[in-house]
Amino acid sequence: MTPRPPSRRDLLALAASACVPRRASAAGERGMMMWDYLMRELSAADERRRRALASIQTKSQLAALQDRVRRVMHSGIGPFPERTLLRAQHVGEIAKPDYVIEKIIFESQPDYFVTANLYRPKSTAARLPAVVQSCGHYSEGKAAPDYQRACIGLAKKGFVACSRRLADCPK
């Protein structure tokens, strides 16, 4: 049996545990006991999720999962906002040898403007799969090299990738 690659959560836990000193004190041991307990719970939940996803065999099972996820999301954060016209504006383009970056501004809600870079392969005769890259942890936003590399890589593999950043743009 091939071992599964570590999940992002596994890697995060490994990095965090490297920073936590193990102390012989009772308080330190209780802290480590709690850490160990939480990691066991997360691992068990992760394994249940993997098994549940692997058991999906039909479109109806997938639709049921999508409905359940949507209900859980709505109960936690409320319903999605009403759809409105995007009023997208193409404001520029950067052409590269094997991909294009289109500069876009759109209204995700009335008077709420979003700037985006749309990375796409040079030739786009057919409909292509798309990925939305949501930026947020770098001060330079969608201009961060990590985000750009990811979107360029997707465009070179035949995807359309939209890297966006919320902004207050003038009309």
N, C-alpha and C. Protein backbone atom coordinates (compact mmCIF):
# COMPACT_ATOMS: atom_id res chain seq x y z
N MET A 1 0.84 -1.18 0.00
CA MET A 1 0.00 0.00 0.00
C MET A 1 0.89 1.24 0.00
N THR A 2 0.60 2.16 -0.90
CA THR A 2 1.37 3.40 -1.00
C THR A 2 0.91 4.36 0.09
N PRO A 3 1.85 4.90 0.85
CA PRO A 3 1.43 5.87 1.88
C PRO A 3 0.90 7.13 1.24
N ARG A 4 -0.12 7.72 1.87
CA ARG A 4 -0.71 8.94 1.34
C ARG A 4 0.23 10.11 1.62
N PRO A 5 0.26 11.09 0.72
CA PRO A 5 1.08 12.28 0.99
C PRO A 5 0.49 13.06 2.15
N PRO A 6 1.31 13.79 2.87
CA PRO A 6 0.76 14.56 4.00
C PRO A 6 -0.18 15.66 3.51
N SER A 7 -1.23 15.90 4.28
CA SER A 7 -2.15 16.99 3.95
C SER A 7 -1.53 18.31 4.39
N ARG A 8 -2.14 19.42 3.98
CA ARG A 8 -1.66 20.73 4.43
C ARG A 8 -1.73 20.83 5.94
N ARG A 9 -2.81 20.25 6.52
CA ARG A 9 -2.96 20.29 7.96
C ARG A 9 -1.84 19.51 8.64
N ASP A 10 -1.45 18.36 8.06
CA ASP A 10 -0.33 17.58 8.61
C ASP A 10 0.95 18.40 8.61
N LEU A 11 1.21 19.08 7.51
CA LEU A 11 2.43 19.89 7.41
C LEU A 11 2.40 21.06 8.38
N LEU A 12 1.22 21.68 8.52
CA LEU A 12 1.08 22.79 9.46
C LEU A 12 1.32 22.30 10.89
N ALA A 13 0.76 21.17 11.22
CA ALA A 13 0.94 20.62 12.57
C ALA A 13 2.41 20.29 12.82
N LEU A 14 3.07 19.74 11.82
CA LEU A 14 4.48 19.40 11.97
C LEU A 14 5.31 20.66 12.19
N ALA A 15 5.03 21.70 11.41
CA ALA A 15 5.76 22.96 11.56
C ALA A 15 5.49 23.57 12.93
N ALA A 16 4.24 23.56 13.36
CA ALA A 16 3.89 24.14 14.66
C ALA A 16 4.50 23.35 15.80
N SER A 17 4.49 22.02 15.68
CA SER A 17 5.03 21.20 16.78
C SER A 17 6.54 21.38 16.92
N ALA A 18 7.21 21.73 15.84
CA ALA A 18 8.64 21.98 15.91
C ALA A 18 8.94 23.22 16.73
N CYS A 19 7.97 24.13 16.81
CA CYS A 19 8.16 25.38 17.54
C CYS A 19 7.73 25.30 19.00
N VAL A 20 7.05 24.21 19.38
CA VAL A 20 6.54 24.09 20.74
C VAL A 20 7.56 23.32 21.56
N PRO A 21 8.19 23.98 22.56
CA PRO A 21 9.15 23.25 23.37
C PRO A 21 8.45 22.25 24.28
N ARG A 22 9.00 21.07 24.41
CA ARG A 22 8.45 20.08 25.33
C ARG A 22 9.13 20.29 26.69
N ARG A 23 8.30 20.64 27.68
CA ARG A 23 8.81 20.90 29.02
C ARG A 23 8.44 19.77 29.94
N ALA A 24 9.21 19.61 30.96
CA ALA A 24 8.93 18.57 31.94
C ALA A 24 7.92 19.03 32.98
N SER A 25 7.59 20.32 33.00
CA SER A 25 6.66 20.82 34.01
C SER A 25 5.27 20.26 33.78
N ALA A 26 4.47 20.26 34.85
CA ALA A 26 3.11 19.75 34.76
C ALA A 26 2.29 20.59 33.79
N ALA A 27 2.45 21.91 33.83
CA ALA A 27 1.70 22.79 32.93
C ALA A 27 2.08 22.51 31.48
N GLY A 28 3.36 22.31 31.25
CA GLY A 28 3.83 22.01 29.89
C GLY A 28 3.28 20.68 29.40
N GLU A 29 3.25 19.69 30.28
CA GLU A 29 2.72 18.37 29.90
C GLU A 29 1.23 18.44 29.60
N ARG A 30 0.48 19.22 30.41
CA ARG A 30 -0.96 19.36 30.13
C ARG A 30 -1.16 20.04 28.78
N GLY A 31 -0.33 21.04 28.48
CA GLY A 31 -0.43 21.70 27.19
C GLY A 31 -0.16 20.73 26.04
N MET A 32 0.84 19.88 26.22
CA MET A 32 1.16 18.90 25.18
C MET A 32 0.06 17.84 25.08
N MET A 33 -0.54 17.49 26.20
CA MET A 33 -1.64 16.52 26.17
C MET A 33 -2.80 17.10 25.35
N MET A 34 -3.10 18.37 25.57
CA MET A 34 -4.19 19.00 24.82
C MET A 34 -3.84 19.06 23.34
N TRP A 35 -2.59 19.44 23.04
CA TRP A 35 -2.14 19.48 21.65
C TRP A 35 -2.29 18.10 21.01
N ASP A 36 -1.81 17.08 21.69
CA ASP A 36 -1.90 15.72 21.16
C ASP A 36 -3.35 15.30 20.95
N TYR A 37 -4.21 15.62 21.90
CA TYR A 37 -5.63 15.30 21.78
C TYR A 37 -6.25 15.99 20.55
N LEU A 38 -5.99 17.29 20.40
CA LEU A 38 -6.53 18.02 19.26
C LEU A 38 -6.02 17.45 17.94
N MET A 39 -4.75 17.10 17.89
CA MET A 39 -4.19 16.54 16.66
C MET A 39 -4.82 15.18 16.34
N ARG A 40 -5.09 14.35 17.36
CA ARG A 40 -5.77 13.07 17.13
C ARG A 40 -7.18 13.32 16.59
N GLU A 41 -7.89 14.29 17.17
CA GLU A 41 -9.25 14.60 16.71
C GLU A 41 -9.23 15.10 15.27
N LEU A 42 -8.29 15.99 14.95
CA LEU A 42 -8.20 16.49 13.58
C LEU A 42 -7.85 15.38 12.60
N SER A 43 -6.94 14.51 12.99
CA SER A 43 -6.56 13.39 12.11
C SER A 43 -7.75 12.46 11.88
N ALA A 44 -8.52 12.18 12.93
CA ALA A 44 -9.69 11.32 12.78
C ALA A 44 -10.72 11.98 11.86
N ALA A 45 -10.95 13.28 12.04
CA ALA A 45 -11.90 13.99 11.18
C ALA A 45 -11.41 13.99 9.74
N ASP A 46 -10.12 14.20 9.55
CA ASP A 46 -9.54 14.20 8.21
C ASP A 46 -9.72 12.84 7.55
N GLU A 47 -9.49 11.78 8.31
CA GLU A 47 -9.64 10.42 7.77
C GLU A 47 -11.10 10.13 7.43
N ARG A 48 -12.05 10.57 8.28
CA ARG A 48 -13.48 10.38 7.97
C ARG A 48 -13.83 11.11 6.67
N ARG A 49 -13.31 12.33 6.51
CA ARG A 49 -13.56 13.10 5.29
C ARG A 49 -13.00 12.39 4.07
N ARG A 50 -11.79 11.87 4.17
CA ARG A 50 -11.18 11.16 3.04
C ARG A 50 -12.01 9.94 2.65
N ARG A 51 -12.47 9.18 3.66
CA ARG A 51 -13.28 7.99 3.37
C ARG A 51 -14.60 8.39 2.72
N ALA A 52 -15.23 9.46 3.24
CA ALA A 52 -16.51 9.90 2.69
C ALA A 52 -16.35 10.33 1.24
N LEU A 53 -15.29 11.07 0.94
CA LEU A 53 -15.07 11.51 -0.44
C LEU A 53 -14.76 10.33 -1.36
N ALA A 54 -13.99 9.37 -0.85
CA ALA A 54 -13.65 8.20 -1.67
C ALA A 54 -14.87 7.33 -1.95
N SER A 55 -15.89 7.40 -1.10
CA SER A 55 -17.07 6.55 -1.28
C SER A 55 -18.04 7.11 -2.31
N ILE A 56 -17.86 8.33 -2.77
CA ILE A 56 -18.77 8.92 -3.75
C ILE A 56 -18.56 8.24 -5.10
N GLN A 57 -19.64 7.63 -5.61
CA GLN A 57 -19.55 6.87 -6.86
C GLN A 57 -20.50 7.39 -7.94
N THR A 58 -21.54 8.13 -7.56
CA THR A 58 -22.55 8.53 -8.54
C THR A 58 -22.77 10.04 -8.51
N LYS A 59 -23.41 10.53 -9.55
CA LYS A 59 -23.74 11.95 -9.61
C LYS A 59 -24.70 12.33 -8.49
N SER A 60 -25.63 11.44 -8.17
CA SER A 60 -26.59 11.76 -7.11
C SER A 60 -25.90 11.83 -5.75
N GLN A 61 -24.92 10.99 -5.50
CA GLN A 61 -24.16 11.07 -4.25
C GLN A 61 -23.38 12.39 -4.18
N LEU A 62 -22.80 12.79 -5.30
CA LEU A 62 -22.07 14.05 -5.35
C LEU A 62 -23.03 15.22 -5.13
N ALA A 63 -24.20 15.19 -5.76
CA ALA A 63 -25.19 16.26 -5.58
C ALA A 63 -25.63 16.34 -4.12
N ALA A 64 -25.81 15.18 -3.47
CA ALA A 64 -26.20 15.17 -2.05
C ALA A 64 -25.12 15.80 -1.20
N LEU A 65 -23.85 15.49 -1.49
CA LEU A 65 -22.75 16.09 -0.74
C LEU A 65 -22.73 17.61 -0.96
N GLN A 66 -22.90 18.04 -2.19
CA GLN A 66 -22.91 19.48 -2.49
C GLN A 66 -24.03 20.18 -1.73
N ASP A 67 -25.20 19.57 -1.69
CA ASP A 67 -26.32 20.16 -0.94
C ASP A 67 -26.00 20.26 0.54
N ARG A 68 -25.41 19.20 1.09
CA ARG A 68 -25.07 19.19 2.52
C ARG A 68 -24.03 20.26 2.84
N VAL A 69 -23.00 20.38 2.00
CA VAL A 69 -21.96 21.40 2.21
C VAL A 69 -22.58 22.79 2.12
N ARG A 70 -23.46 23.00 1.15
CA ARG A 70 -24.11 24.29 1.00
C ARG A 70 -24.94 24.63 2.24
N ARG A 71 -25.70 23.65 2.77
CA ARG A 71 -26.50 23.89 3.98
C ARG A 71 -25.61 24.23 5.17
N VAL A 72 -24.50 23.51 5.34
CA VAL A 72 -23.58 23.78 6.45
C VAL A 72 -22.98 25.18 6.31
N MET A 73 -22.56 25.54 5.10
CA MET A 73 -21.99 26.87 4.87
C MET A 73 -23.03 27.95 5.18
N HIS A 74 -24.25 27.76 4.70
CA HIS A 74 -25.30 28.75 4.94
C HIS A 74 -25.62 28.87 6.41
N SER A 75 -25.59 27.77 7.15
CA SER A 75 -25.89 27.85 8.58
C SER A 75 -24.76 28.57 9.32
N GLY A 76 -23.54 28.48 8.82
CA GLY A 76 -22.42 29.11 9.49
C GLY A 76 -22.21 30.57 9.14
N ILE A 77 -22.40 30.91 7.86
CA ILE A 77 -22.11 32.29 7.44
C ILE A 77 -23.30 33.00 6.81
N GLY A 78 -24.42 32.31 6.75
CA GLY A 78 -25.60 32.92 6.14
C GLY A 78 -25.66 32.62 4.67
N PRO A 79 -26.77 32.96 4.03
CA PRO A 79 -26.92 32.68 2.59
C PRO A 79 -25.99 33.56 1.76
N PHE A 80 -25.73 33.08 0.56
CA PHE A 80 -24.92 33.87 -0.36
C PHE A 80 -25.68 35.14 -0.74
N PRO A 81 -24.97 36.21 -1.04
CA PRO A 81 -25.67 37.44 -1.46
C PRO A 81 -26.40 37.22 -2.78
N GLU A 82 -27.39 38.04 -3.01
CA GLU A 82 -28.14 37.96 -4.26
C GLU A 82 -27.20 38.25 -5.43
N ARG A 83 -27.36 37.50 -6.50
CA ARG A 83 -26.54 37.73 -7.69
C ARG A 83 -26.93 39.04 -8.36
N THR A 84 -25.90 39.76 -8.79
CA THR A 84 -26.14 41.02 -9.50
C THR A 84 -25.29 41.03 -10.76
N LEU A 85 -25.52 41.99 -11.63
CA LEU A 85 -24.69 42.12 -12.83
C LEU A 85 -23.26 42.46 -12.42
N LEU A 86 -22.29 41.85 -13.06
CA LEU A 86 -20.89 42.10 -12.72
C LEU A 86 -20.36 43.39 -13.33
N ARG A 87 -20.91 43.83 -14.42
CA ARG A 87 -20.45 45.04 -15.10
C ARG A 87 -18.92 45.04 -15.28
N ALA A 88 -18.42 43.94 -15.76
CA ALA A 88 -16.97 43.78 -15.92
C ALA A 88 -16.42 44.74 -16.97
N GLN A 89 -15.24 45.28 -16.67
CA GLN A 89 -14.54 46.17 -17.60
C GLN A 89 -13.15 45.61 -17.85
N HIS A 90 -12.79 45.46 -19.10
CA HIS A 90 -11.45 45.04 -19.49
C HIS A 90 -10.62 46.31 -19.57
N VAL A 91 -9.62 46.48 -18.70
CA VAL A 91 -8.88 47.75 -18.66
C VAL A 91 -7.43 47.63 -19.12
N GLY A 92 -7.03 46.46 -19.57
CA GLY A 92 -5.67 46.30 -20.06
C GLY A 92 -5.33 44.84 -20.26
N GLU A 93 -4.16 44.62 -20.86
CA GLU A 93 -3.75 43.26 -21.16
C GLU A 93 -2.23 43.21 -21.24
N ILE A 94 -1.67 42.13 -20.76
CA ILE A 94 -0.24 41.88 -20.87
C ILE A 94 -0.08 40.57 -21.62
N ALA A 95 0.50 40.62 -22.81
CA ALA A 95 0.66 39.42 -23.64
C ALA A 95 2.04 38.83 -23.41
N LYS A 96 2.08 37.56 -23.10
CA LYS A 96 3.32 36.79 -22.95
C LYS A 96 3.37 35.75 -24.07
N PRO A 97 4.51 35.09 -24.29
CA PRO A 97 4.59 34.14 -25.41
C PRO A 97 3.54 33.03 -25.39
N ASP A 98 3.21 32.49 -24.20
CA ASP A 98 2.27 31.36 -24.16
C ASP A 98 1.05 31.58 -23.27
N TYR A 99 0.86 32.79 -22.77
CA TYR A 99 -0.34 33.12 -21.99
C TYR A 99 -0.57 34.62 -22.02
N VAL A 100 -1.76 35.01 -21.60
CA VAL A 100 -2.16 36.42 -21.58
C VAL A 100 -2.70 36.74 -20.19
N ILE A 101 -2.39 37.94 -19.70
CA ILE A 101 -2.97 38.43 -18.44
C ILE A 101 -3.90 39.58 -18.80
N GLU A 102 -5.19 39.39 -18.53
CA GLU A 102 -6.17 40.45 -18.77
C GLU A 102 -6.44 41.16 -17.45
N LYS A 103 -6.41 42.49 -17.49
CA LYS A 103 -6.71 43.30 -16.30
C LYS A 103 -8.19 43.62 -16.31
N ILE A 104 -8.88 43.25 -15.24
CA ILE A 104 -10.34 43.35 -15.17
C ILE A 104 -10.75 44.11 -13.90
N ILE A 105 -11.82 44.89 -14.00
CA ILE A 105 -12.49 45.46 -12.83
C ILE A 105 -13.96 45.06 -12.94
N PHE A 106 -14.53 44.53 -11.86
CA PHE A 106 -15.95 44.17 -11.89
C PHE A 106 -16.61 44.53 -10.57
N GLU A 107 -17.93 44.60 -10.59
CA GLU A 107 -18.71 44.88 -9.39
C GLU A 107 -19.25 43.56 -8.86
N SER A 108 -18.72 43.09 -7.72
CA SER A 108 -19.25 41.84 -7.16
C SER A 108 -20.61 42.07 -6.53
N GLN A 109 -20.85 43.28 -6.06
CA GLN A 109 -22.13 43.76 -5.56
C GLN A 109 -22.23 45.21 -6.03
N PRO A 110 -23.42 45.79 -6.08
CA PRO A 110 -23.51 47.18 -6.53
C PRO A 110 -22.57 48.10 -5.74
N ASP A 111 -21.77 48.88 -6.47
CA ASP A 111 -20.80 49.82 -5.90
C ASP A 111 -19.70 49.16 -5.06
N TYR A 112 -19.47 47.86 -5.25
CA TYR A 112 -18.39 47.16 -4.55
C TYR A 112 -17.48 46.59 -5.64
N PHE A 113 -16.38 47.29 -5.90
CA PHE A 113 -15.53 46.99 -7.04
C PHE A 113 -14.40 46.03 -6.66
N VAL A 114 -14.05 45.16 -7.58
CA VAL A 114 -12.99 44.18 -7.40
C VAL A 114 -12.07 44.26 -8.60
N THR A 115 -10.77 44.32 -8.33
CA THR A 115 -9.79 44.26 -9.41
C THR A 115 -9.33 42.81 -9.54
N ALA A 116 -9.03 42.41 -10.76
CA ALA A 116 -8.62 41.03 -10.98
C ALA A 116 -7.67 40.95 -12.16
N ASN A 117 -6.83 39.94 -12.12
CA ASN A 117 -6.01 39.57 -13.26
C ASN A 117 -6.51 38.22 -13.74
N LEU A 118 -6.85 38.14 -15.01
CA LEU A 118 -7.32 36.90 -15.59
C LEU A 118 -6.21 36.32 -16.45
N TYR A 119 -5.65 35.20 -16.01
CA TYR A 119 -4.57 34.52 -16.73
C TYR A 119 -5.21 33.46 -17.61
N ARG A 120 -4.84 33.46 -18.89
CA ARG A 120 -5.41 32.47 -19.79
C ARG A 120 -4.36 32.05 -20.82
N PRO A 121 -4.55 30.85 -21.39
CA PRO A 121 -3.64 30.44 -22.46
C PRO A 121 -3.75 31.41 -23.64
N LYS A 122 -2.71 31.46 -24.44
CA LYS A 122 -2.68 32.38 -25.59
C LYS A 122 -3.86 32.13 -26.53
N SER A 123 -4.15 30.87 -26.83
CA SER A 123 -5.27 30.55 -27.72
C SER A 123 -6.42 30.00 -26.87
N THR A 124 -7.60 30.55 -27.05
CA THR A 124 -8.76 30.16 -26.23
C THR A 124 -9.97 29.86 -27.10
N ALA A 125 -9.81 29.02 -28.11
CA ALA A 125 -10.92 28.71 -29.01
C ALA A 125 -12.00 27.90 -28.29
N ALA A 126 -11.63 27.04 -27.38
CA ALA A 126 -12.60 26.18 -26.69
C ALA A 126 -12.86 26.69 -25.28
N ARG A 127 -13.97 26.24 -24.70
CA ARG A 127 -14.24 26.56 -23.29
C ARG A 127 -13.17 25.87 -22.45
N LEU A 128 -12.71 26.56 -21.42
CA LEU A 128 -11.62 26.04 -20.59
C LEU A 128 -12.06 25.94 -19.14
N PRO A 129 -11.46 25.01 -18.39
CA PRO A 129 -11.73 24.97 -16.95
C PRO A 129 -11.15 26.21 -16.29
N ALA A 130 -11.74 26.63 -15.17
CA ALA A 130 -11.30 27.87 -14.53
C ALA A 130 -11.06 27.67 -13.04
N VAL A 131 -10.17 28.49 -12.50
CA VAL A 131 -9.82 28.48 -11.08
C VAL A 131 -9.84 29.92 -10.60
N VAL A 132 -10.46 30.18 -9.45
CA VAL A 132 -10.41 31.51 -8.84
C VAL A 132 -9.37 31.47 -7.74
N GLN A 133 -8.34 32.29 -7.85
CA GLN A 133 -7.27 32.41 -6.86
C GLN A 133 -7.62 33.56 -5.94
N SER A 134 -8.02 33.27 -4.73
CA SER A 134 -8.39 34.32 -3.79
C SER A 134 -7.16 34.76 -3.01
N CYS A 135 -6.78 36.00 -3.14
CA CYS A 135 -5.55 36.52 -2.53
C CYS A 135 -5.87 37.22 -1.22
N GLY A 136 -4.98 37.10 -0.25
CA GLY A 136 -5.27 37.79 0.98
C GLY A 136 -4.17 37.85 2.01
N HIS A 137 -3.10 37.06 1.89
CA HIS A 137 -2.12 37.02 2.97
C HIS A 137 -0.81 37.73 2.65
N TYR A 138 -0.72 38.30 1.49
CA TYR A 138 0.46 39.07 1.14
C TYR A 138 0.05 40.54 1.03
N SER A 139 0.92 41.42 1.48
CA SER A 139 0.57 42.84 1.38
C SER A 139 0.45 43.29 -0.07
N GLU A 140 1.15 42.62 -0.98
CA GLU A 140 1.06 43.01 -2.39
C GLU A 140 -0.11 42.34 -3.11
N GLY A 141 -0.94 41.58 -2.39
CA GLY A 141 -2.14 40.99 -2.96
C GLY A 141 -1.87 40.12 -4.17
N LYS A 142 -2.65 40.33 -5.22
CA LYS A 142 -2.53 39.49 -6.42
C LYS A 142 -1.20 39.66 -7.14
N ALA A 143 -0.42 40.66 -6.77
CA ALA A 143 0.90 40.86 -7.38
C ALA A 143 1.99 40.03 -6.70
N ALA A 144 1.65 39.32 -5.63
CA ALA A 144 2.64 38.50 -4.93
C ALA A 144 3.17 37.42 -5.87
N PRO A 145 4.47 37.19 -5.87
CA PRO A 145 5.06 36.20 -6.79
C PRO A 145 4.43 34.81 -6.67
N ASP A 146 4.08 34.35 -5.47
CA ASP A 146 3.47 33.03 -5.31
C ASP A 146 2.16 32.93 -6.08
N TYR A 147 1.30 33.95 -5.95
CA TYR A 147 0.02 33.95 -6.65
C TYR A 147 0.24 33.99 -8.16
N GLN A 148 1.16 34.83 -8.60
CA GLN A 148 1.43 34.94 -10.04
C GLN A 148 1.95 33.62 -10.60
N ARG A 149 2.89 32.98 -9.89
CA ARG A 149 3.43 31.70 -10.36
C ARG A 149 2.32 30.65 -10.49
N ALA A 150 1.44 30.61 -9.49
CA ALA A 150 0.35 29.63 -9.53
C ALA A 150 -0.55 29.87 -10.74
N CYS A 151 -0.93 31.11 -10.96
CA CYS A 151 -1.84 31.43 -12.07
C CYS A 151 -1.17 31.22 -13.43
N ILE A 152 0.10 31.58 -13.53
CA ILE A 152 0.84 31.37 -14.80
C ILE A 152 0.92 29.87 -15.08
N GLY A 153 1.24 29.09 -14.05
CA GLY A 153 1.31 27.63 -14.23
C GLY A 153 -0.02 27.05 -14.70
N LEU A 154 -1.12 27.52 -14.12
CA LEU A 154 -2.44 27.04 -14.54
C LEU A 154 -2.73 27.43 -15.99
N ALA A 155 -2.42 28.67 -16.36
CA ALA A 155 -2.65 29.12 -17.74
C ALA A 155 -1.83 28.29 -18.72
N LYS A 156 -0.60 27.97 -18.38
CA LYS A 156 0.24 27.17 -19.26
C LYS A 156 -0.27 25.73 -19.39
N LYS A 157 -1.07 25.29 -18.43
CA LYS A 157 -1.64 23.94 -18.47
C LYS A 157 -3.05 23.93 -19.07
N GLY A 158 -3.50 25.09 -19.58
CA GLY A 158 -4.79 25.12 -20.26
C GLY A 158 -5.96 25.60 -19.43
N PHE A 159 -5.71 26.16 -18.25
CA PHE A 159 -6.77 26.69 -17.41
C PHE A 159 -6.88 28.20 -17.57
N VAL A 160 -8.04 28.72 -17.21
CA VAL A 160 -8.20 30.15 -17.00
C VAL A 160 -8.11 30.34 -15.49
N ALA A 161 -7.27 31.25 -15.03
CA ALA A 161 -7.11 31.49 -13.59
C ALA A 161 -7.34 32.96 -13.32
N CYS A 162 -8.23 33.24 -12.39
CA CYS A 162 -8.54 34.62 -12.03
C CYS A 162 -7.98 34.90 -10.65
N SER A 163 -7.06 35.81 -10.57
CA SER A 163 -6.46 36.24 -9.31
C SER A 163 -7.05 37.60 -8.98
N ARG A 164 -7.75 37.68 -7.85
CA ARG A 164 -8.48 38.90 -7.57
C ARG A 164 -8.12 39.46 -6.21
N ARG A 165 -8.39 40.73 -6.06
CA ARG A 165 -8.20 41.41 -4.79
C ARG A 165 -9.31 42.42 -4.62
N LEU A 166 -9.91 42.43 -3.45
CA LEU A 166 -10.96 43.40 -3.18
C LEU A 166 -10.35 44.78 -3.11
N ALA A 167 -11.02 45.74 -3.70
CA ALA A 167 -10.50 47.10 -3.70
C ALA A 167 -11.63 48.10 -3.85
N ASP A 168 -11.43 49.26 -3.35
CA ASP A 168 -12.36 50.36 -3.58
C ASP A 168 -11.85 51.11 -4.79
N CYS A 169 -12.48 50.88 -5.92
CA CYS A 169 -12.05 51.53 -7.16
C CYS A 169 -13.05 52.61 -7.51
N PRO A 170 -12.59 53.71 -8.05
CA PRO A 170 -13.54 54.73 -8.49
C PRO A 170 -14.36 54.22 -9.66
N LYS A 171 -15.58 54.70 -9.78
CA LYS A 171 -16.41 54.29 -10.92
C LYS A 171 -15.87 54.86 -12.21
